[in-house]
Amino acid sequence: MPTQALTEAVYYILLSLLEPLHGYGIMQRAAELSNGRVKLAAGTLYGALTTLLEKGYISSVDEDPSNRQKRYIITNTGREVLKNELARLHELVKNGDMLLNDEGNDS
């Protein structure tokens, strides 16, 4: 699977969906995980959910006709995408640490 960088919003949406959540729950969880830095507006969230559904990264769960709220969960494909993104982010941090920490040793 090709690795493509995720936006921070999509990263936190996928991370939030390691457990089933509805839209408002995703907004709350993303804000909580990012210490309030990621604030998802409804339009942004539902546009992203549509795209993630189309890509097969998430699926909707337990459709209850009496409840209007749709809940979503990450799929195995979405989990792999998330793991690839985490590995990419680790590499970024490792390279930054290595080069910036070596910078002080060049005197």
PDB file of N, CA and C in Angstrom:
ATOM      1  N   MET A   1       0.851  -1.183   0.000  1.00  0.00           N
ATOM      2  CA  MET A   1       0.000   0.000   0.000  1.00  0.00           C
ATOM      3  C   MET A   1       0.893   1.243   0.000  1.00  0.00           C
ATOM      4  N   PRO A   2       0.698   2.121  -0.979  1.00  0.00           N
ATOM      5  CA  PRO A   2       1.536   3.320  -1.025  1.00  0.00           C
ATOM      6  C   PRO A   2       1.272   4.202   0.190  1.00  0.00           C
ATOM      7  N   THR A   3       2.350   4.785   0.676  1.00  0.00           N
ATOM      8  CA  THR A   3       2.178   5.668   1.828  1.00  0.00           C
ATOM      9  C   THR A   3       1.975   7.087   1.323  1.00  0.00           C
ATOM     10  N   GLN A   4       0.923   7.681   1.792  1.00  0.00           N
ATOM     11  CA  GLN A   4       0.622   9.062   1.454  1.00  0.00           C
ATOM     12  C   GLN A   4       0.365   9.770   2.771  1.00  0.00           C
ATOM     13  N   ALA A   5       0.971  10.917   2.932  1.00  0.00           N
ATOM     14  CA  ALA A   5       0.813  11.663   4.186  1.00  0.00           C
ATOM     15  C   ALA A   5      -0.656  11.999   4.420  1.00  0.00           C
ATOM     16  N   LEU A   6      -1.077  11.807   5.646  1.00  0.00           N
ATOM     17  CA  LEU A   6      -2.435  12.169   6.038  1.00  0.00           C
ATOM     18  C   LEU A   6      -2.431  13.587   6.581  1.00  0.00           C
ATOM     19  N   THR A   7      -3.532  14.271   6.398  1.00  0.00           N
ATOM     20  CA  THR A   7      -3.662  15.564   7.071  1.00  0.00           C
ATOM     21  C   THR A   7      -3.796  15.276   8.559  1.00  0.00           C
ATOM     22  N   GLU A   8      -3.521  16.273   9.363  1.00  0.00           N
ATOM     23  CA  GLU A   8      -3.637  16.099  10.800  1.00  0.00           C
ATOM     24  C   GLU A   8      -5.084  15.753  11.186  1.00  0.00           C
ATOM     25  N   ALA A   9      -6.044  16.379  10.521  1.00  0.00           N
ATOM     26  CA  ALA A   9      -7.455  16.106  10.816  1.00  0.00           C
ATOM     27  C   ALA A   9      -7.795  14.649  10.517  1.00  0.00           C
ATOM     28  N   VAL A  10      -7.394  14.157   9.354  1.00  0.00           N
ATOM     29  CA  VAL A  10      -7.687  12.765   8.985  1.00  0.00           C
ATOM     30  C   VAL A  10      -6.968  11.802   9.921  1.00  0.00           C
ATOM     31  N   TYR A  11      -5.737  12.114  10.285  1.00  0.00           N
ATOM     32  CA  TYR A  11      -4.999  11.283  11.241  1.00  0.00           C
ATOM     33  C   TYR A  11      -5.793  11.131  12.543  1.00  0.00           C
ATOM     34  N   TYR A  12      -6.282  12.243  13.075  1.00  0.00           N
ATOM     35  CA  TYR A  12      -7.020  12.188  14.333  1.00  0.00           C
ATOM     36  C   TYR A  12      -8.404  11.567  14.181  1.00  0.00           C
ATOM     37  N   ILE A  13      -9.025  11.705  13.024  1.00  0.00           N
ATOM     38  CA  ILE A  13     -10.301  11.027  12.785  1.00  0.00           C
ATOM     39  C   ILE A  13     -10.074   9.518  12.825  1.00  0.00           C
ATOM     40  N   LEU A  14      -9.070   9.031  12.087  1.00  0.00           N
ATOM     41  CA  LEU A  14      -8.791   7.591  12.078  1.00  0.00           C
ATOM     42  C   LEU A  14      -8.407   7.098  13.466  1.00  0.00           C
ATOM     43  N   LEU A  15      -7.584   7.848  14.152  1.00  0.00           N
ATOM     44  CA  LEU A  15      -7.174   7.469  15.504  1.00  0.00           C
ATOM     45  C   LEU A  15      -8.385   7.416  16.441  1.00  0.00           C
ATOM     46  N   SER A  16      -9.296   8.346  16.283  1.00  0.00           N
ATOM     47  CA  SER A  16     -10.513   8.365  17.100  1.00  0.00           C
ATOM     48  C   SER A  16     -11.382   7.143  16.861  1.00  0.00           C
ATOM     49  N   LEU A  17     -11.318   6.619  15.638  1.00  0.00           N
ATOM     50  CA  LEU A  17     -12.216   5.530  15.268  1.00  0.00           C
ATOM     51  C   LEU A  17     -11.644   4.142  15.545  1.00  0.00           C
ATOM     52  N   LEU A  18     -10.671   4.065  16.432  1.00  0.00           N
ATOM     53  CA  LEU A  18     -10.239   2.752  16.915  1.00  0.00           C
ATOM     54  C   LEU A  18     -11.356   2.152  17.766  1.00  0.00           C
ATOM     55  N   GLU A  19     -12.311   2.982  18.145  1.00  0.00           N
ATOM     56  CA  GLU A  19     -13.543   2.527  18.809  1.00  0.00           C
ATOM     57  C   GLU A  19     -14.701   3.182  18.065  1.00  0.00           C
ATOM     58  N   PRO A  20     -15.862   2.530  18.009  1.00  0.00           N
ATOM     59  CA  PRO A  20     -16.993   3.114  17.267  1.00  0.00           C
ATOM     60  C   PRO A  20     -17.450   4.439  17.876  1.00  0.00           C
ATOM     61  N   LEU A  21     -17.612   5.430  17.016  1.00  0.00           N
ATOM     62  CA  LEU A  21     -18.072   6.747  17.460  1.00  0.00           C
ATOM     63  C   LEU A  21     -18.976   7.363  16.406  1.00  0.00           C
ATOM     64  N   HIS A  22     -19.855   8.249  16.835  1.00  0.00           N
ATOM     65  CA  HIS A  22     -20.660   9.053  15.925  1.00  0.00           C
ATOM     66  C   HIS A  22     -19.918  10.368  15.689  1.00  0.00           C
ATOM     67  N   GLY A  23     -20.420  11.171  14.782  1.00  0.00           N
ATOM     68  CA  GLY A  23     -19.741  12.400  14.375  1.00  0.00           C
ATOM     69  C   GLY A  23     -19.337  13.313  15.515  1.00  0.00           C
ATOM     70  N   TYR A  24     -20.266  13.601  16.408  1.00  0.00           N
ATOM     71  CA  TYR A  24     -19.942  14.504  17.512  1.00  0.00           C
ATOM     72  C   TYR A  24     -18.878  13.881  18.422  1.00  0.00           C
ATOM     73  N   GLY A  25     -18.952  12.585  18.627  1.00  0.00           N
ATOM     74  CA  GLY A  25     -17.947  11.887  19.432  1.00  0.00           C
ATOM     75  C   GLY A  25     -16.567  11.964  18.795  1.00  0.00           C
ATOM     76  N   ILE A  26     -16.525  11.895  17.465  1.00  0.00           N
ATOM     77  CA  ILE A  26     -15.244  12.010  16.748  1.00  0.00           C
ATOM     78  C   ILE A  26     -14.665  13.410  16.964  1.00  0.00           C
ATOM     79  N   MET A  27     -15.511  14.427  16.856  1.00  0.00           N
ATOM     80  CA  MET A  27     -15.058  15.808  17.076  1.00  0.00           C
ATOM     81  C   MET A  27     -14.458  15.959  18.477  1.00  0.00           C
ATOM     82  N   GLN A  28     -15.157  15.426  19.471  1.00  0.00           N
ATOM     83  CA  GLN A  28     -14.685  15.529  20.852  1.00  0.00           C
ATOM     84  C   GLN A  28     -13.382  14.760  21.054  1.00  0.00           C
ATOM     85  N   ARG A  29     -13.317  13.548  20.518  1.00  0.00           N
ATOM     86  CA  ARG A  29     -12.134  12.700  20.720  1.00  0.00           C
ATOM     87  C   ARG A  29     -10.909  13.314  20.031  1.00  0.00           C
ATOM     88  N   ALA A  30     -11.083  13.830  18.816  1.00  0.00           N
ATOM     89  CA  ALA A  30      -9.961  14.449  18.100  1.00  0.00           C
ATOM     90  C   ALA A  30      -9.437  15.649  18.873  1.00  0.00           C
ATOM     91  N   ALA A  31     -10.327  16.460  19.412  1.00  0.00           N
ATOM     92  CA  ALA A  31      -9.909  17.616  20.215  1.00  0.00           C
ATOM     93  C   ALA A  31      -9.183  17.158  21.467  1.00  0.00           C
ATOM     94  N   GLU A  32      -9.697  16.124  22.108  1.00  0.00           N
ATOM     95  CA  GLU A  32      -9.075  15.594  23.328  1.00  0.00           C
ATOM     96  C   GLU A  32      -7.682  15.027  23.039  1.00  0.00           C
ATOM     97  N   LEU A  33      -7.561  14.213  21.990  1.00  0.00           N
ATOM     98  CA  LEU A  33      -6.273  13.591  21.665  1.00  0.00           C
ATOM     99  C   LEU A  33      -5.213  14.622  21.274  1.00  0.00           C
ATOM    100  N   SER A  34      -5.652  15.714  20.647  1.00  0.00           N
ATOM    101  CA  SER A  34      -4.702  16.739  20.176  1.00  0.00           C
ATOM    102  C   SER A  34      -4.550  17.881  21.173  1.00  0.00           C
ATOM    103  N   ASN A  35      -5.024  17.684  22.388  1.00  0.00           N
ATOM    104  CA  ASN A  35      -4.973  18.739  23.406  1.00  0.00           C
ATOM    105  C   ASN A  35      -5.626  20.031  22.925  1.00  0.00           C
ATOM    106  N   GLY A  36      -6.740  19.885  22.188  1.00  0.00           N
ATOM    107  CA  GLY A  36      -7.511  21.032  21.727  1.00  0.00           C
ATOM    108  C   GLY A  36      -7.013  21.685  20.459  1.00  0.00           C
ATOM    109  N   ARG A  37      -5.929  21.180  19.894  1.00  0.00           N
ATOM    110  CA  ARG A  37      -5.353  21.798  18.688  1.00  0.00           C
ATOM    111  C   ARG A  37      -6.207  21.515  17.452  1.00  0.00           C
ATOM    112  N   VAL A  38      -6.764  20.298  17.366  1.00  0.00           N
ATOM    113  CA  VAL A  38      -7.574  19.933  16.202  1.00  0.00           C
ATOM    114  C   VAL A  38      -9.045  20.098  16.563  1.00  0.00           C
ATOM    115  N   LYS A  39      -9.660  21.092  15.936  1.00  0.00           N
ATOM    116  CA  LYS A  39     -11.085  21.353  16.136  1.00  0.00           C
ATOM    117  C   LYS A  39     -11.772  21.132  14.798  1.00  0.00           C
ATOM    118  N   LEU A  40     -12.509  20.048  14.708  1.00  0.00           N
ATOM    119  CA  LEU A  40     -13.150  19.684  13.450  1.00  0.00           C
ATOM    120  C   LEU A  40     -14.517  20.355  13.333  1.00  0.00           C
ATOM    121  N   ALA A  41     -14.698  21.121  12.283  1.00  0.00           N
ATOM    122  CA  ALA A  41     -16.016  21.681  11.990  1.00  0.00           C
ATOM    123  C   ALA A  41     -16.853  20.573  11.349  1.00  0.00           C
ATOM    124  N   ALA A  42     -18.166  20.675  11.474  1.00  0.00           N
ATOM    125  CA  ALA A  42     -19.053  19.631  10.955  1.00  0.00           C
ATOM    126  C   ALA A  42     -18.828  19.376   9.461  1.00  0.00           C
ATOM    127  N   GLY A  43     -18.709  20.429   8.678  1.00  0.00           N
ATOM    128  CA  GLY A  43     -18.500  20.268   7.234  1.00  0.00           C
ATOM    129  C   GLY A  43     -17.212  19.539   6.915  1.00  0.00           C
ATOM    130  N   THR A  44     -16.148  19.891   7.612  1.00  0.00           N
ATOM    131  CA  THR A  44     -14.851  19.234   7.424  1.00  0.00           C
ATOM    132  C   THR A  44     -14.952  17.768   7.804  1.00  0.00           C
ATOM    133  N   LEU A  45     -15.555  17.507   8.949  1.00  0.00           N
ATOM    134  CA  LEU A  45     -15.661  16.134   9.433  1.00  0.00           C
ATOM    135  C   LEU A  45     -16.467  15.272   8.477  1.00  0.00           C
ATOM    136  N   TYR A  46     -17.649  15.723   8.093  1.00  0.00           N
ATOM    137  CA  TYR A  46     -18.505  14.870   7.271  1.00  0.00           C
ATOM    138  C   TYR A  46     -17.968  14.723   5.849  1.00  0.00           C
ATOM    139  N   GLY A  47     -17.263  15.721   5.343  1.00  0.00           N
ATOM    140  CA  GLY A  47     -16.577  15.569   4.055  1.00  0.00           C
ATOM    141  C   GLY A  47     -15.482  14.518   4.154  1.00  0.00           C
ATOM    142  N   ALA A  48     -14.716  14.563   5.247  1.00  0.00           N
ATOM    143  CA  ALA A  48     -13.642  13.587   5.459  1.00  0.00           C
ATOM    144  C   ALA A  48     -14.222  12.185   5.651  1.00  0.00           C
ATOM    145  N   LEU A  49     -15.313  12.071   6.407  1.00  0.00           N
ATOM    146  CA  LEU A  49     -15.927  10.755   6.618  1.00  0.00           C
ATOM    147  C   LEU A  49     -16.394  10.147   5.298  1.00  0.00           C
ATOM    148  N   THR A  50     -16.973  10.962   4.435  1.00  0.00           N
ATOM    149  CA  THR A  50     -17.407  10.476   3.121  1.00  0.00           C
ATOM    150  C   THR A  50     -16.221   9.942   2.333  1.00  0.00           C
ATOM    151  N   THR A  51     -15.130  10.698   2.305  1.00  0.00           N
ATOM    152  CA  THR A  51     -13.924  10.268   1.594  1.00  0.00           C
ATOM    153  C   THR A  51     -13.347   8.994   2.203  1.00  0.00           C
ATOM    154  N   LEU A  52     -13.279   8.940   3.528  1.00  0.00           N
ATOM    155  CA  LEU A  52     -12.723   7.763   4.202  1.00  0.00           C
ATOM    156  C   LEU A  52     -13.591   6.527   3.978  1.00  0.00           C
ATOM    157  N   LEU A  53     -14.896   6.702   3.910  1.00  0.00           N
ATOM    158  CA  LEU A  53     -15.800   5.591   3.576  1.00  0.00           C
ATOM    159  C   LEU A  53     -15.536   5.099   2.160  1.00  0.00           C
ATOM    160  N   GLU A  54     -15.394   6.038   1.215  1.00  0.00           N
ATOM    161  CA  GLU A  54     -15.144   5.686  -0.196  1.00  0.00           C
ATOM    162  C   GLU A  54     -13.830   4.935  -0.356  1.00  0.00           C
ATOM    163  N   LYS A  55     -12.819   5.326   0.412  1.00  0.00           N
ATOM    164  CA  LYS A  55     -11.502   4.674   0.329  1.00  0.00           C
ATOM    165  C   LYS A  55     -11.470   3.344   1.082  1.00  0.00           C
ATOM    166  N   GLY A  56     -12.490   3.074   1.869  1.00  0.00           N
ATOM    167  CA  GLY A  56     -12.525   1.834   2.638  1.00  0.00           C
ATOM    168  C   GLY A  56     -11.706   1.884   3.911  1.00  0.00           C
ATOM    169  N   TYR A  57     -11.360   3.088   4.367  1.00  0.00           N
ATOM    170  CA  TYR A  57     -10.567   3.237   5.595  1.00  0.00           C
ATOM    171  C   TYR A  57     -11.440   3.130   6.846  1.00  0.00           C
ATOM    172  N   ILE A  58     -12.734   3.440   6.684  1.00  0.00           N
ATOM    173  CA  ILE A  58     -13.687   3.329   7.789  1.00  0.00           C
ATOM    174  C   ILE A  58     -14.954   2.678   7.244  1.00  0.00           C
ATOM    175  N   SER A  59     -15.802   2.215   8.146  1.00  0.00           N
ATOM    176  CA  SER A  59     -17.122   1.726   7.758  1.00  0.00           C
ATOM    177  C   SER A  59     -18.121   2.191   8.805  1.00  0.00           C
ATOM    178  N   SER A  60     -19.402   2.195   8.422  1.00  0.00           N
ATOM    179  CA  SER A  60     -20.408   2.553   9.422  1.00  0.00           C
ATOM    180  C   SER A  60     -20.864   1.264  10.101  1.00  0.00           C
ATOM    181  N   VAL A  61     -21.235   1.397  11.359  1.00  0.00           N
ATOM    182  CA  VAL A  61     -21.603   0.232  12.155  1.00  0.00           C
ATOM    183  C   VAL A  61     -23.009   0.382  12.726  1.00  0.00           C
ATOM    184  N   ASP A  62     -23.571  -0.737  13.090  1.00  0.00           N
ATOM    185  CA  ASP A  62     -24.879  -0.882  13.743  1.00  0.00           C
ATOM    186  C   ASP A  62     -25.893   0.200  13.406  1.00  0.00           C
ATOM    187  N   GLU A  63     -26.268   0.214  12.157  1.00  0.00           N
ATOM    188  CA  GLU A  63     -27.302   1.155  11.721  1.00  0.00           C
ATOM    189  C   GLU A  63     -28.602   0.826  12.448  1.00  0.00           C
ATOM    190  N   ASP A  64     -29.045   1.709  13.279  1.00  0.00           N
ATOM    191  CA  ASP A  64     -30.297   1.548  14.004  1.00  0.00           C
ATOM    192  C   ASP A  64     -31.299   2.538  13.419  1.00  0.00           C
ATOM    193  N   PRO A  65     -32.346   2.029  12.750  1.00  0.00           N
ATOM    194  CA  PRO A  65     -33.305   2.936  12.107  1.00  0.00           C
ATOM    195  C   PRO A  65     -33.955   3.927  13.081  1.00  0.00           C
ATOM    196  N   SER A  66     -34.021   3.576  14.354  1.00  0.00           N
ATOM    197  CA  SER A  66     -34.648   4.486  15.322  1.00  0.00           C
ATOM    198  C   SER A  66     -33.684   5.581  15.784  1.00  0.00           C
ATOM    199  N   ASN A  67     -32.400   5.430  15.439  1.00  0.00           N
ATOM    200  CA  ASN A  67     -31.402   6.409  15.858  1.00  0.00           C
ATOM    201  C   ASN A  67     -30.778   7.042  14.616  1.00  0.00           C
ATOM    202  N   ARG A  68     -30.846   8.352  14.511  1.00  0.00           N
ATOM    203  CA  ARG A  68     -30.295   9.047  13.338  1.00  0.00           C
ATOM    204  C   ARG A  68     -28.780   9.076  13.327  1.00  0.00           C
ATOM    205  N   GLN A  69     -28.162   8.936  14.469  1.00  0.00           N
ATOM    206  CA  GLN A  69     -26.700   9.033  14.530  1.00  0.00           C
ATOM    207  C   GLN A  69     -26.049   7.797  13.921  1.00  0.00           C
ATOM    208  N   LYS A  70     -25.175   8.049  12.952  1.00  0.00           N
ATOM    209  CA  LYS A  70     -24.377   6.970  12.380  1.00  0.00           C
ATOM    210  C   LYS A  70     -23.108   6.861  13.193  1.00  0.00           C
ATOM    211  N   ARG A  71     -22.706   5.625  13.465  1.00  0.00           N
ATOM    212  CA  ARG A  71     -21.418   5.414  14.133  1.00  0.00           C
ATOM    213  C   ARG A  71     -20.465   4.799  13.113  1.00  0.00           C
ATOM    214  N   TYR A  72     -19.203   5.124  13.272  1.00  0.00           N
ATOM    215  CA  TYR A  72     -18.170   4.678  12.345  1.00  0.00           C
ATOM    216  C   TYR A  72     -17.071   3.972  13.113  1.00  0.00           C
ATOM    217  N   ILE A  73     -16.327   3.123  12.386  1.00  0.00           N
ATOM    218  CA  ILE A  73     -15.163   2.452  12.973  1.00  0.00           C
ATOM    219  C   ILE A  73     -14.104   2.291  11.883  1.00  0.00           C
ATOM    220  N   ILE A  74     -12.853   2.252  12.286  1.00  0.00           N
ATOM    221  CA  ILE A  74     -11.755   2.073  11.348  1.00  0.00           C
ATOM    222  C   ILE A  74     -11.774   0.627  10.823  1.00  0.00           C
ATOM    223  N   THR A  75     -11.416   0.444   9.563  1.00  0.00           N
ATOM    224  CA  THR A  75     -11.318  -0.888   8.966  1.00  0.00           C
ATOM    225  C   THR A  75      -9.869  -1.366   9.071  1.00  0.00           C
ATOM    226  N   ASN A  76      -9.624  -2.600   8.679  1.00  0.00           N
ATOM    227  CA  ASN A  76      -8.244  -3.102   8.660  1.00  0.00           C
ATOM    228  C   ASN A  76      -7.384  -2.282   7.706  1.00  0.00           C
ATOM    229  N   THR A  77      -7.948  -1.889   6.574  1.00  0.00           N
ATOM    230  CA  THR A  77      -7.213  -1.039   5.626  1.00  0.00           C
ATOM    231  C   THR A  77      -6.880   0.299   6.272  1.00  0.00           C
ATOM    232  N   GLY A  78      -7.843   0.892   6.941  1.00  0.00           N
ATOM    233  CA  GLY A  78      -7.615   2.168   7.628  1.00  0.00           C
ATOM    234  C   GLY A  78      -6.570   2.043   8.719  1.00  0.00           C
ATOM    235  N   ARG A  79      -6.586   0.917   9.417  1.00  0.00           N
ATOM    236  CA  ARG A  79      -5.595   0.670  10.474  1.00  0.00           C
ATOM    237  C   ARG A  79      -4.188   0.600   9.866  1.00  0.00           C
ATOM    238  N   GLU A  80      -4.046  -0.042   8.711  1.00  0.00           N
ATOM    239  CA  GLU A  80      -2.740  -0.113   8.039  1.00  0.00           C
ATOM    240  C   GLU A  80      -2.275   1.267   7.597  1.00  0.00           C
ATOM    241  N   VAL A  81      -3.196   2.061   7.064  1.00  0.00           N
ATOM    242  CA  VAL A  81      -2.881   3.439   6.656  1.00  0.00           C
ATOM    243  C   VAL A  81      -2.407   4.228   7.873  1.00  0.00           C
ATOM    244  N   LEU A  82      -3.097   4.068   8.990  1.00  0.00           N
ATOM    245  CA  LEU A  82      -2.737   4.770  10.222  1.00  0.00           C
ATOM    246  C   LEU A  82      -1.365   4.323  10.722  1.00  0.00           C
ATOM    247  N   LYS A  83      -1.081   3.026  10.666  1.00  0.00           N
ATOM    248  CA  LYS A  83       0.234   2.520  11.083  1.00  0.00           C
ATOM    249  C   LYS A  83       1.343   3.050  10.177  1.00  0.00           C
ATOM    250  N   ASN A  84       1.070   3.117   8.865  1.00  0.00           N
ATOM    251  CA  ASN A  84       2.064   3.670   7.929  1.00  0.00           C
ATOM    252  C   ASN A  84       2.326   5.141   8.217  1.00  0.00           C
ATOM    253  N   GLU A  85       1.271   5.873   8.539  1.00  0.00           N
ATOM    254  CA  GLU A  85       1.437   7.295   8.869  1.00  0.00           C
ATOM    255  C   GLU A  85       2.242   7.455  10.152  1.00  0.00           C
ATOM    256  N   LEU A  86       1.978   6.627  11.129  1.00  0.00           N
ATOM    257  CA  LEU A  86       2.726   6.691  12.387  1.00  0.00           C
ATOM    258  C   LEU A  86       4.214   6.414  12.140  1.00  0.00           C
ATOM    259  N   ALA A  87       4.510   5.428  11.299  1.00  0.00           N
ATOM    260  CA  ALA A  87       5.911   5.123  10.961  1.00  0.00           C
ATOM    261  C   ALA A  87       6.552   6.317  10.249  1.00  0.00           C
ATOM    262  N   ARG A  88       5.803   6.962   9.351  1.00  0.00           N
ATOM    263  CA  ARG A  88       6.316   8.135   8.635  1.00  0.00           C
ATOM    264  C   ARG A  88       6.609   9.265   9.617  1.00  0.00           C
ATOM    265  N   LEU A  89       5.706   9.480  10.563  1.00  0.00           N
ATOM    266  CA  LEU A  89       5.904  10.537  11.556  1.00  0.00           C
ATOM    267  C   LEU A  89       7.099  10.228  12.458  1.00  0.00           C
ATOM    268  N   HIS A  90       7.264   8.969  12.842  1.00  0.00           N
ATOM    269  CA  HIS A  90       8.433   8.584  13.641  1.00  0.00           C
ATOM    270  C   HIS A  90       9.729   8.883  12.883  1.00  0.00           C
ATOM    271  N   GLU A  91       9.731   8.590  11.577  1.00  0.00           N
ATOM    272  CA  GLU A  91      10.921   8.861  10.764  1.00  0.00           C
ATOM    273  C   GLU A  91      11.215  10.359  10.715  1.00  0.00           C
ATOM    274  N   LEU A  92      10.167  11.176  10.575  1.00  0.00           N
ATOM    275  CA  LEU A  92      10.355  12.630  10.567  1.00  0.00           C
ATOM    276  C   LEU A  92      10.995  13.105  11.868  1.00  0.00           C
ATOM    277  N   VAL A  93      10.475  12.620  12.978  1.00  0.00           N
ATOM    278  CA  VAL A  93      10.989  13.031  14.287  1.00  0.00           C
ATOM    279  C   VAL A  93      12.426  12.537  14.465  1.00  0.00           C
ATOM    280  N   LYS A  94      12.695  11.292  14.101  1.00  0.00           N
ATOM    281  CA  LYS A  94      14.047  10.737  14.237  1.00  0.00           C
ATOM    282  C   LYS A  94      15.055  11.556  13.431  1.00  0.00           C
ATOM    283  N   ASN A  95      14.711  11.879  12.192  1.00  0.00           N
ATOM    284  CA  ASN A  95      15.624  12.658  11.348  1.00  0.00           C
ATOM    285  C   ASN A  95      15.812  14.068  11.891  1.00  0.00           C
ATOM    286  N   GLY A  96      14.728  14.677  12.348  1.00  0.00           N
ATOM    287  CA  GLY A  96      14.841  16.013  12.935  1.00  0.00           C
ATOM    288  C   GLY A  96      15.703  16.000  14.185  1.00  0.00           C
ATOM    289  N   ASP A  97      15.461  15.027  15.062  1.00  0.00           N
ATOM    290  CA  ASP A  97      16.276  14.911  16.274  1.00  0.00           C
ATOM    291  C   ASP A  97      17.746  14.726  15.930  1.00  0.00           C
ATOM    292  N   MET A  98      18.007  13.827  14.989  1.00  0.00           N
ATOM    293  CA  MET A  98      19.382  13.522  14.624  1.00  0.00           C
ATOM    294  C   MET A  98      20.098  14.768  14.088  1.00  0.00           C
ATOM    295  N   LEU A  99      19.467  15.467  13.179  1.00  0.00           N
ATOM    296  CA  LEU A  99      20.129  16.615  12.553  1.00  0.00           C
ATOM    297  C   LEU A  99      20.185  17.827  13.469  1.00  0.00           C
ATOM    298  N   LEU A 100      19.132  18.085  14.191  1.00  0.00           N
ATOM    299  CA  LEU A 100      19.140  19.244  15.066  1.00  0.00           C
ATOM    300  C   LEU A 100      20.044  19.035  16.276  1.00  0.00           C
ATOM    301  N   ASN A 101      20.084  17.834  16.810  1.00  0.00           N
ATOM    302  CA  ASN A 101      20.949  17.559  17.955  1.00  0.00           C
ATOM    303  C   ASN A 101      22.413  17.516  17.549  1.00  0.00           C
ATOM    304  N   ASP A 102      22.703  17.094  16.308  1.00  0.00           N
ATOM    305  CA  ASP A 102      24.079  17.084  15.812  1.00  0.00           C
ATOM    306  C   ASP A 102      24.555  18.493  15.500  1.00  0.00           C
ATOM    307  N   GLU A 103      23.619  19.408  15.250  1.00  0.00           N
ATOM    308  CA  GLU A 103      23.948  20.791  14.904  1.00  0.00           C
ATOM    309  C   GLU A 103      24.787  21.437  16.014  1.00  0.00           C
ATOM    310  N   GLY A 104      24.442  21.149  17.253  1.00  0.00           N
ATOM    311  CA  GLY A 104      25.168  21.726  18.390  1.00  0.00           C
ATOM    312  C   GLY A 104      26.553  21.146  18.562  1.00  0.00           C
ATOM    313  N   ASN A 105      26.832  19.994  17.941  1.00  0.00           N
ATOM    314  CA  ASN A 105      28.149  19.334  18.073  1.00  0.00           C
ATOM    315  C   ASN A 105      29.124  19.774  16.996  1.00  0.00           C
ATOM    316  N   ASP A 106      28.706  20.660  16.103  1.00  0.00           N
ATOM    317  CA  ASP A 106      29.561  21.086  14.986  1.00  0.00           C
ATOM    318  C   ASP A 106      30.459  22.271  15.341  1.00  0.00           C
ATOM    319  N   SER A 107      30.501  22.677  16.597  1.00  0.00           N
ATOM    320  CA  SER A 107      31.284  23.861  16.928  1.00  0.00           C
ATOM    321  C   SER A 107      32.746  23.658  16.896  1.00  0.00           C
TER     322      SER A 107
END
